[in-house]
């Protein structure tokens, strides 16, 4: 008996989901993923704050977006990655 094939998983790397643009982009990506029977994982990882003066750079979360957890990456252009080449995506994984 053959194993069922796993749905492809795409990682959407974004700094935050606070603006209307980013939310609309996420909604469109979700629709497209459903249409193509793929799964979408959103990874918002910009600057976090404790409400006081302390801020925390959450871009390290982007480095968790790697196989076998995801099959491809969608990197939102305003993301806080200082050097997109530092995001670990093997050559066999597509980056959009």
PDB file of N, CA and C in Angstrom:
ATOM      1  N   UNK A   1       0.840  -1.180   0.000  1.00  0.00           N
ATOM      2  CA  UNK A   1       0.000   0.000   0.000  1.00  0.00           C
ATOM      3  C   UNK A   1       0.889   1.249   0.000  1.00  0.00           C
ATOM      4  N   UNK A   2       0.678   2.142  -0.918  1.00  0.00           N
ATOM      5  CA  UNK A   2       1.508   3.347  -1.003  1.00  0.00           C
ATOM      6  C   UNK A   2       1.052   4.395   0.007  1.00  0.00           C
ATOM      7  N   UNK A   3       2.026   5.183   0.448  1.00  0.00           N
ATOM      8  CA  UNK A   3       1.717   6.258   1.387  1.00  0.00           C
ATOM      9  C   UNK A   3       1.092   7.417   0.639  1.00  0.00           C
ATOM     10  N   UNK A   4       0.134   8.098   1.266  1.00  0.00           N
ATOM     11  CA  UNK A   4      -0.439   9.276   0.608  1.00  0.00           C
ATOM     12  C   UNK A   4       0.619  10.363   0.475  1.00  0.00           C
ATOM     13  N   UNK A   5       0.561  11.112  -0.623  1.00  0.00           N
ATOM     14  CA  UNK A   5       1.527  12.195  -0.809  1.00  0.00           C
ATOM     15  C   UNK A   5       1.159  13.360   0.093  1.00  0.00           C
ATOM     16  N   UNK A   6       2.170  13.974   0.614  1.00  0.00           N
ATOM     17  CA  UNK A   6       1.990  15.109   1.525  1.00  0.00           C
ATOM     18  C   UNK A   6       1.756  16.378   0.712  1.00  0.00           C
ATOM     19  N   UNK A   7       0.854  17.212   1.211  1.00  0.00           N
ATOM     20  CA  UNK A   7       0.632  18.505   0.553  1.00  0.00           C
ATOM     21  C   UNK A   7       1.902  19.343   0.677  1.00  0.00           C
ATOM     22  N   UNK A   8       2.285  20.082  -0.372  1.00  0.00           N
ATOM     23  CA  UNK A   8       3.437  20.970  -0.244  1.00  0.00           C
ATOM     24  C   UNK A   8       3.155  22.036   0.810  1.00  0.00           C
ATOM     25  N   UNK A   9       4.186  22.411   1.537  1.00  0.00           N
ATOM     26  CA  UNK A   9       4.062  23.431   2.576  1.00  0.00           C
ATOM     27  C   UNK A   9       4.929  24.621   2.177  1.00  0.00           C
ATOM     28  N   UNK A  10       4.303  25.804   2.107  1.00  0.00           N
ATOM     29  CA  UNK A  10       4.999  27.046   1.783  1.00  0.00           C
ATOM     30  C   UNK A  10       5.131  27.892   3.037  1.00  0.00           C
ATOM     31  N   UNK A  11       6.282  28.494   3.227  1.00  0.00           N
ATOM     32  CA  UNK A  11       6.491  29.412   4.342  1.00  0.00           C
ATOM     33  C   UNK A  11       6.395  30.842   3.844  1.00  0.00           C
ATOM     34  N   UNK A  12       5.530  31.638   4.475  1.00  0.00           N
ATOM     35  CA  UNK A  12       5.386  33.059   4.142  1.00  0.00           C
ATOM     36  C   UNK A  12       6.126  33.844   5.213  1.00  0.00           C
ATOM     37  N   UNK A  13       7.309  34.363   4.873  1.00  0.00           N
ATOM     38  CA  UNK A  13       8.135  35.105   5.808  1.00  0.00           C
ATOM     39  C   UNK A  13       7.825  36.581   5.673  1.00  0.00           C
ATOM     40  N   UNK A  14       7.395  37.190   6.755  1.00  0.00           N
ATOM     41  CA  UNK A  14       6.947  38.579   6.734  1.00  0.00           C
ATOM     42  C   UNK A  14       7.351  39.239   8.044  1.00  0.00           C
ATOM     43  N   UNK A  15       7.596  40.552   8.026  1.00  0.00           N
ATOM     44  CA  UNK A  15       8.006  41.217   9.255  1.00  0.00           C
ATOM     45  C   UNK A  15       6.869  41.290  10.267  1.00  0.00           C
ATOM     46  N   UNK A  16       5.682  41.602   9.825  1.00  0.00           N
ATOM     47  CA  UNK A  16       4.518  41.599  10.715  1.00  0.00           C
ATOM     48  C   UNK A  16       3.258  41.546   9.863  1.00  0.00           C
ATOM     49  N   UNK A  17       2.149  41.405  10.519  1.00  0.00           N
ATOM     50  CA  UNK A  17       0.857  41.376   9.815  1.00  0.00           C
ATOM     51  C   UNK A  17      -0.028  42.498  10.346  1.00  0.00           C
ATOM     52  N   UNK A  18       0.555  43.675  10.489  1.00  0.00           N
ATOM     53  CA  UNK A  18      -0.165  44.805  11.062  1.00  0.00           C
ATOM     54  C   UNK A  18      -0.789  45.719  10.015  1.00  0.00           C
ATOM     55  N   UNK A  19      -0.212  45.751   8.830  1.00  0.00           N
ATOM     56  CA  UNK A  19      -0.746  46.664   7.823  1.00  0.00           C
ATOM     57  C   UNK A  19      -1.803  45.964   6.968  1.00  0.00           C
ATOM     58  N   UNK A  20      -2.675  46.749   6.402  1.00  0.00           N
ATOM     59  CA  UNK A  20      -3.727  46.231   5.523  1.00  0.00           C
ATOM     60  C   UNK A  20      -3.123  45.512   4.319  1.00  0.00           C
ATOM     61  N   UNK A  21      -2.021  46.044   3.799  1.00  0.00           N
ATOM     62  CA  UNK A  21      -1.356  45.429   2.646  1.00  0.00           C
ATOM     63  C   UNK A  21      -0.927  44.003   2.972  1.00  0.00           C
ATOM     64  N   UNK A  22      -0.264  43.819   4.095  1.00  0.00           N
ATOM     65  CA  UNK A  22       0.239  42.498   4.455  1.00  0.00           C
ATOM     66  C   UNK A  22      -0.893  41.512   4.735  1.00  0.00           C
ATOM     67  N   UNK A  23      -1.951  41.983   5.357  1.00  0.00           N
ATOM     68  CA  UNK A  23      -3.095  41.112   5.628  1.00  0.00           C
ATOM     69  C   UNK A  23      -3.749  40.689   4.312  1.00  0.00           C
ATOM     70  N   UNK A  24      -3.916  41.623   3.392  1.00  0.00           N
ATOM     71  CA  UNK A  24      -4.512  41.280   2.089  1.00  0.00           C
ATOM     72  C   UNK A  24      -3.611  40.326   1.309  1.00  0.00           C
ATOM     73  N   UNK A  25      -2.313  40.530   1.392  1.00  0.00           N
ATOM     74  CA  UNK A  25      -1.371  39.629   0.745  1.00  0.00           C
ATOM     75  C   UNK A  25      -1.503  38.222   1.335  1.00  0.00           C
ATOM     76  N   UNK A  26      -1.575  38.126   2.653  1.00  0.00           N
ATOM     77  CA  UNK A  26      -1.737  36.832   3.310  1.00  0.00           C
ATOM     78  C   UNK A  26      -3.032  36.155   2.876  1.00  0.00           C
ATOM     79  N   UNK A  27      -4.115  36.896   2.813  1.00  0.00           N
ATOM     80  CA  UNK A  27      -5.401  36.319   2.399  1.00  0.00           C
ATOM     81  C   UNK A  27      -5.326  35.788   0.965  1.00  0.00           C
ATOM     82  N   UNK A  28      -4.675  36.532   0.075  1.00  0.00           N
ATOM     83  CA  UNK A  28      -4.517  36.076  -1.297  1.00  0.00           C
ATOM     84  C   UNK A  28      -3.645  34.830  -1.385  1.00  0.00           C
ATOM     85  N   UNK A  29      -2.593  34.791  -0.587  1.00  0.00           N
ATOM     86  CA  UNK A  29      -1.730  33.616  -0.568  1.00  0.00           C
ATOM     87  C   UNK A  29      -2.475  32.392  -0.039  1.00  0.00           C
ATOM     88  N   UNK A  30      -3.323  32.604   0.967  1.00  0.00           N
ATOM     89  CA  UNK A  30      -4.117  31.495   1.507  1.00  0.00           C
ATOM     90  C   UNK A  30      -5.069  30.942   0.453  1.00  0.00           C
ATOM     91  N   UNK A  31      -5.722  31.835  -0.284  1.00  0.00           N
ATOM     92  CA  UNK A  31      -6.628  31.381  -1.352  1.00  0.00           C
ATOM     93  C   UNK A  31      -5.877  30.589  -2.411  1.00  0.00           C
ATOM     94  N   UNK A  32      -4.735  31.111  -2.826  1.00  0.00           N
ATOM     95  CA  UNK A  32      -3.944  30.433  -3.851  1.00  0.00           C
ATOM     96  C   UNK A  32      -3.438  29.081  -3.351  1.00  0.00           C
ATOM     97  N   UNK A  33      -3.018  29.019  -2.100  1.00  0.00           N
ATOM     98  CA  UNK A  33      -2.532  27.761  -1.544  1.00  0.00           C
ATOM     99  C   UNK A  33      -3.649  26.717  -1.517  1.00  0.00           C
ATOM    100  N   UNK A  34      -4.836  27.116  -1.078  1.00  0.00           N
ATOM    101  CA  UNK A  34      -5.969  26.181  -1.053  1.00  0.00           C
ATOM    102  C   UNK A  34      -6.293  25.693  -2.465  1.00  0.00           C
ATOM    103  N   UNK A  35      -6.289  26.621  -3.410  1.00  0.00           N
ATOM    104  CA  UNK A  35      -6.622  26.279  -4.800  1.00  0.00           C
ATOM    105  C   UNK A  35      -5.654  25.234  -5.354  1.00  0.00           C
ATOM    106  N   UNK A  36      -4.396  25.324  -4.953  1.00  0.00           N
ATOM    107  CA  UNK A  36      -3.373  24.418  -5.470  1.00  0.00           C
ATOM    108  C   UNK A  36      -3.044  23.291  -4.482  1.00  0.00           C
ATOM    109  N   UNK A  37      -3.916  23.138  -3.499  1.00  0.00           N
ATOM    110  CA  UNK A  37      -3.768  22.066  -2.498  1.00  0.00           C
ATOM    111  C   UNK A  37      -2.418  22.088  -1.806  1.00  0.00           C
ATOM    112  N   UNK A  38      -2.008  23.277  -1.435  1.00  0.00           N
ATOM    113  CA  UNK A  38      -0.778  23.455  -0.671  1.00  0.00           C
ATOM    114  C   UNK A  38      -1.148  24.021   0.692  1.00  0.00           C
ATOM    115  N   UNK A  39      -0.253  23.908   1.615  1.00  0.00           N
ATOM    116  CA  UNK A  39      -0.451  24.483   2.946  1.00  0.00           C
ATOM    117  C   UNK A  39       0.451  25.704   3.069  1.00  0.00           C
ATOM    118  N   UNK A  40      -0.010  26.695   3.824  1.00  0.00           N
ATOM    119  CA  UNK A  40       0.740  27.935   3.999  1.00  0.00           C
ATOM    120  C   UNK A  40       0.981  28.150   5.483  1.00  0.00           C
ATOM    121  N   UNK A  41       2.232  28.390   5.823  1.00  0.00           N
ATOM    122  CA  UNK A  41       2.595  28.726   7.200  1.00  0.00           C
ATOM    123  C   UNK A  41       3.107  30.155   7.192  1.00  0.00           C
ATOM    124  N   UNK A  42       2.474  31.025   7.964  1.00  0.00           N
ATOM    125  CA  UNK A  42       2.917  32.416   8.079  1.00  0.00           C
ATOM    126  C   UNK A  42       3.917  32.513   9.221  1.00  0.00           C
ATOM    127  N   UNK A  43       5.029  33.166   8.950  1.00  0.00           N
ATOM    128  CA  UNK A  43       6.051  33.352   9.968  1.00  0.00           C
ATOM    129  C   UNK A  43       6.313  34.850  10.102  1.00  0.00           C
ATOM    130  N   UNK A  44       5.514  35.535  10.944  1.00  0.00           N
ATOM    131  CA  UNK A  44       5.777  36.954  11.195  1.00  0.00           C
ATOM    132  C   UNK A  44       6.904  37.060  12.218  1.00  0.00           C
ATOM    133  N   UNK A  45       7.991  37.687  11.854  1.00  0.00           N
ATOM    134  CA  UNK A  45       9.150  37.705  12.747  1.00  0.00           C
ATOM    135  C   UNK A  45       9.908  39.018  12.659  1.00  0.00           C
ATOM    136  N   UNK A  46       9.225  40.095  12.878  1.00  0.00           N
ATOM    137  CA  UNK A  46       9.896  41.392  12.872  1.00  0.00           C
ATOM    138  C   UNK A  46      10.395  41.740  14.257  1.00  0.00           C
ATOM    139  N   UNK A  47      10.226  42.964  14.633  1.00  0.00           N
ATOM    140  CA  UNK A  47      10.644  43.423  15.957  1.00  0.00           C
ATOM    141  C   UNK A  47       9.511  43.217  16.933  1.00  0.00           C
ATOM    142  N   UNK A  48       9.816  42.579  18.044  1.00  0.00           N
ATOM    143  CA  UNK A  48       8.839  42.384  19.111  1.00  0.00           C
ATOM    144  C   UNK A  48       9.164  43.356  20.234  1.00  0.00           C
ATOM    145  N   UNK A  49       8.154  43.758  20.983  1.00  0.00           N
ATOM    146  CA  UNK A  49       8.350  44.678  22.095  1.00  0.00           C
ATOM    147  C   UNK A  49       7.579  44.170  23.296  1.00  0.00           C
ATOM    148  N   UNK A  50       8.116  44.417  24.474  1.00  0.00           N
ATOM    149  CA  UNK A  50       7.414  44.029  25.697  1.00  0.00           C
ATOM    150  C   UNK A  50       6.484  45.141  26.183  1.00  0.00           C
ATOM    151  N   UNK A  51       6.318  46.179  25.382  1.00  0.00           N
ATOM    152  CA  UNK A  51       5.461  47.303  25.761  1.00  0.00           C
ATOM    153  C   UNK A  51       6.239  48.413  26.440  1.00  0.00           C
ATOM    154  N   UNK A  52       7.442  48.133  26.835  1.00  0.00           N
ATOM    155  CA  UNK A  52       8.315  49.141  27.430  1.00  0.00           C
ATOM    156  C   UNK A  52       9.349  49.542  26.387  1.00  0.00           C
ATOM    157  N   UNK A  53      10.536  49.821  26.811  1.00  0.00           N
ATOM    158  CA  UNK A  53      11.561  50.259  25.860  1.00  0.00           C
ATOM    159  C   UNK A  53      12.349  49.096  25.273  1.00  0.00           C
ATOM    160  N   UNK A  54      12.140  47.889  25.764  1.00  0.00           N
ATOM    161  CA  UNK A  54      12.907  46.752  25.250  1.00  0.00           C
ATOM    162  C   UNK A  54      12.287  46.227  23.965  1.00  0.00           C
ATOM    163  N   UNK A  55      13.158  46.035  22.982  1.00  0.00           N
ATOM    164  CA  UNK A  55      12.722  45.476  21.701  1.00  0.00           C
ATOM    165  C   UNK A  55      13.555  44.235  21.417  1.00  0.00           C
ATOM    166  N   UNK A  56      12.981  43.347  20.642  1.00  0.00           N
ATOM    167  CA  UNK A  56      13.602  42.060  20.385  1.00  0.00           C
ATOM    168  C   UNK A  56      13.496  41.761  18.901  1.00  0.00           C
ATOM    169  N   UNK A  57      14.624  41.456  18.272  1.00  0.00           N
ATOM    170  CA  UNK A  57      14.645  41.129  16.847  1.00  0.00           C
ATOM    171  C   UNK A  57      14.239  39.677  16.670  1.00  0.00           C
ATOM    172  N   UNK A  58      13.063  39.461  16.093  1.00  0.00           N
ATOM    173  CA  UNK A  58      12.548  38.113  15.914  1.00  0.00           C
ATOM    174  C   UNK A  58      12.903  37.480  14.594  1.00  0.00           C
ATOM    175  N   UNK A  59      13.801  38.099  13.825  1.00  0.00           N
ATOM    176  CA  UNK A  59      14.097  37.553  12.502  1.00  0.00           C
ATOM    177  C   UNK A  59      14.784  36.193  12.568  1.00  0.00           C
ATOM    178  N   UNK A  60      15.256  35.793  13.744  1.00  0.00           N
ATOM    179  CA  UNK A  60      15.842  34.459  13.864  1.00  0.00           C
ATOM    180  C   UNK A  60      14.815  33.384  13.533  1.00  0.00           C
ATOM    181  N   UNK A  61      13.525  33.710  13.682  1.00  0.00           N
ATOM    182  CA  UNK A  61      12.476  32.742  13.365  1.00  0.00           C
ATOM    183  C   UNK A  61      12.496  32.352  11.894  1.00  0.00           C
ATOM    184  N   UNK A  62      12.977  33.255  11.037  1.00  0.00           N
ATOM    185  CA  UNK A  62      13.048  32.946   9.618  1.00  0.00           C
ATOM    186  C   UNK A  62      13.951  31.731   9.369  1.00  0.00           C
ATOM    187  N   UNK A  63      14.963  31.572  10.208  1.00  0.00           N
ATOM    188  CA  UNK A  63      15.890  30.458  10.017  1.00  0.00           C
ATOM    189  C   UNK A  63      15.275  29.114  10.376  1.00  0.00           C
ATOM    190  N   UNK A  64      14.091  29.127  10.962  1.00  0.00           N
ATOM    191  CA  UNK A  64      13.394  27.877  11.242  1.00  0.00           C
ATOM    192  C   UNK A  64      12.658  27.372  10.011  1.00  0.00           C
ATOM    193  N   UNK A  65      12.551  28.222   9.008  1.00  0.00           N
ATOM    194  CA  UNK A  65      11.844  27.864   7.771  1.00  0.00           C
ATOM    195  C   UNK A  65      12.786  27.083   6.873  1.00  0.00           C
ATOM    196  N   UNK A  66      12.919  25.823   7.171  1.00  0.00           N
ATOM    197  CA  UNK A  66      13.822  24.967   6.408  1.00  0.00           C
ATOM    198  C   UNK A  66      13.244  23.572   6.296  1.00  0.00           C
ATOM    199  N   UNK A  67      13.751  22.803   5.356  1.00  0.00           N
ATOM    200  CA  UNK A  67      13.271  21.432   5.203  1.00  0.00           C
ATOM    201  C   UNK A  67      13.590  20.629   6.473  1.00  0.00           C
ATOM    202  N   UNK A  68      12.797  19.681   6.820  1.00  0.00           N
ATOM    203  CA  UNK A  68      11.630  19.199   6.089  1.00  0.00           C
ATOM    204  C   UNK A  68      10.350  19.954   6.444  1.00  0.00           C
ATOM    205  N   UNK A  69      10.469  21.028   7.244  1.00  0.00           N
ATOM    206  CA  UNK A  69       9.267  21.753   7.678  1.00  0.00           C
ATOM    207  C   UNK A  69       8.550  22.430   6.523  1.00  0.00           C
ATOM    208  N   UNK A  70       9.273  22.968   5.557  1.00  0.00           N
ATOM    209  CA  UNK A  70       8.645  23.659   4.430  1.00  0.00           C
ATOM    210  C   UNK A  70       9.286  23.224   3.125  1.00  0.00           C
ATOM    211  N   UNK A  71       8.539  23.427   2.056  1.00  0.00           N
ATOM    212  CA  UNK A  71       8.999  23.050   0.725  1.00  0.00           C
ATOM    213  C   UNK A  71       9.360  24.249  -0.141  1.00  0.00           C
ATOM    214  N   UNK A  72       8.949  25.440   0.249  1.00  0.00           N
ATOM    215  CA  UNK A  72       9.237  26.655  -0.511  1.00  0.00           C
ATOM    216  C   UNK A  72       9.034  27.862   0.379  1.00  0.00           C
ATOM    217  N   UNK A  73       9.562  29.007  -0.042  1.00  0.00           N
ATOM    218  CA  UNK A  73       9.526  30.229   0.761  1.00  0.00           C
ATOM    219  C   UNK A  73       8.960  31.377  -0.066  1.00  0.00           C
ATOM    220  N   UNK A  74       8.068  32.147   0.544  1.00  0.00           N
ATOM    221  CA  UNK A  74       7.605  33.415  -0.019  1.00  0.00           C
ATOM    222  C   UNK A  74       8.102  34.478   0.945  1.00  0.00           C
ATOM    223  N   UNK A  75       9.009  35.329   0.495  1.00  0.00           N
ATOM    224  CA  UNK A  75       9.638  36.336   1.348  1.00  0.00           C
ATOM    225  C   UNK A  75       9.048  37.696   1.005  1.00  0.00           C
ATOM    226  N   UNK A  76       8.337  38.287   1.947  1.00  0.00           N
ATOM    227  CA  UNK A  76       7.735  39.609   1.731  1.00  0.00           C
ATOM    228  C   UNK A  76       8.860  40.633   1.726  1.00  0.00           C
ATOM    229  N   UNK A  77       8.841  41.533   0.741  1.00  0.00           N
ATOM    230  CA  UNK A  77       9.972  42.418   0.455  1.00  0.00           C
ATOM    231  C   UNK A  77      10.366  43.340   1.600  1.00  0.00           C
ATOM    232  N   UNK A  78       9.425  43.729   2.447  1.00  0.00           N
ATOM    233  CA  UNK A  78       9.775  44.639   3.532  1.00  0.00           C
ATOM    234  C   UNK A  78      10.259  43.900   4.766  1.00  0.00           C
ATOM    235  N   UNK A  79      10.481  42.610   4.665  1.00  0.00           N
ATOM    236  CA  UNK A  79      10.888  41.817   5.809  1.00  0.00           C
ATOM    237  C   UNK A  79      12.210  42.315   6.375  1.00  0.00           C
ATOM    238  N   UNK A  80      12.422  42.139   7.677  1.00  0.00           N
ATOM    239  CA  UNK A  80      13.600  42.707   8.323  1.00  0.00           C
ATOM    240  C   UNK A  80      14.869  41.897   8.132  1.00  0.00           C
ATOM    241  N   UNK A  81      14.903  41.051   7.141  1.00  0.00           N
ATOM    242  CA  UNK A  81      16.112  40.286   6.901  1.00  0.00           C
ATOM    243  C   UNK A  81      17.132  41.239   6.291  1.00  0.00           C
ATOM    244  N   UNK A  82      18.219  41.466   6.990  1.00  0.00           N
ATOM    245  CA  UNK A  82      19.224  42.402   6.503  1.00  0.00           C
ATOM    246  C   UNK A  82      19.924  41.851   5.264  1.00  0.00           C
ATOM    247  N   UNK A  83      20.083  40.551   5.218  1.00  0.00           N
ATOM    248  CA  UNK A  83      20.716  39.904   4.072  1.00  0.00           C
ATOM    249  C   UNK A  83      19.898  38.661   3.739  1.00  0.00           C
ATOM    250  N   UNK A  84      19.023  38.747   2.714  1.00  0.00           N
ATOM    251  CA  UNK A  84      18.174  37.601   2.393  1.00  0.00           C
ATOM    252  C   UNK A  84      18.956  36.323   2.129  1.00  0.00           C
ATOM    253  N   UNK A  85      20.236  36.441   1.762  1.00  0.00           N
ATOM    254  CA  UNK A  85      21.047  35.246   1.541  1.00  0.00           C
ATOM    255  C   UNK A  85      21.312  34.504   2.847  1.00  0.00           C
ATOM    256  N   UNK A  86      21.077  35.174   3.968  1.00  0.00           N
ATOM    257  CA  UNK A  86      21.281  34.531   5.259  1.00  0.00           C
ATOM    258  C   UNK A  86      20.119  33.629   5.655  1.00  0.00           C
ATOM    259  N   UNK A  87      18.985  33.755   4.978  1.00  0.00           N
ATOM    260  CA  UNK A  87      17.862  32.862   5.238  1.00  0.00           C
ATOM    261  C   UNK A  87      18.202  31.532   4.607  1.00  0.00           C
ATOM    262  N   UNK A  88      18.213  30.501   5.414  1.00  0.00           N
ATOM    263  CA  UNK A  88      18.627  29.180   4.929  1.00  0.00           C
ATOM    264  C   UNK A  88      17.520  28.554   4.090  1.00  0.00           C
ATOM    265  N   UNK A  89      17.734  28.519   2.793  1.00  0.00           N
ATOM    266  CA  UNK A  89      16.817  27.826   1.895  1.00  0.00           C
ATOM    267  C   UNK A  89      17.692  27.010   0.953  1.00  0.00           C
ATOM    268  N   UNK A  90      17.661  25.685   1.079  1.00  0.00           N
ATOM    269  CA  UNK A  90      18.484  24.870   0.187  1.00  0.00           C
ATOM    270  C   UNK A  90      18.156  25.133  -1.270  1.00  0.00           C
ATOM    271  N   UNK A  91      19.136  24.898  -2.139  1.00  0.00           N
ATOM    272  CA  UNK A  91      18.955  25.163  -3.566  1.00  0.00           C
ATOM    273  C   UNK A  91      17.773  24.423  -4.151  1.00  0.00           C
ATOM    274  N   UNK A  92      17.408  23.306  -3.549  1.00  0.00           N
ATOM    275  CA  UNK A  92      16.300  22.528  -4.086  1.00  0.00           C
ATOM    276  C   UNK A  92      14.943  23.108  -3.716  1.00  0.00           C
ATOM    277  N   UNK A  93      14.923  24.170  -2.910  1.00  0.00           N
ATOM    278  CA  UNK A  93      13.660  24.768  -2.486  1.00  0.00           C
ATOM    279  C   UNK A  93      13.443  26.085  -3.221  1.00  0.00           C
ATOM    280  N   UNK A  94      12.249  26.270  -3.787  1.00  0.00           N
ATOM    281  CA  UNK A  94      11.989  27.527  -4.503  1.00  0.00           C
ATOM    282  C   UNK A  94      11.778  28.695  -3.555  1.00  0.00           C
ATOM    283  N   UNK A  95      12.248  29.862  -3.948  1.00  0.00           N
ATOM    284  CA  UNK A  95      12.035  31.098  -3.205  1.00  0.00           C
ATOM    285  C   UNK A  95      11.312  32.059  -4.113  1.00  0.00           C
ATOM    286  N   UNK A  96      10.215  32.619  -3.624  1.00  0.00           N
ATOM    287  CA  UNK A  96       9.430  33.574  -4.414  1.00  0.00           C
ATOM    288  C   UNK A  96       9.580  34.938  -3.788  1.00  0.00           C
TER     289      UNK A  96
END
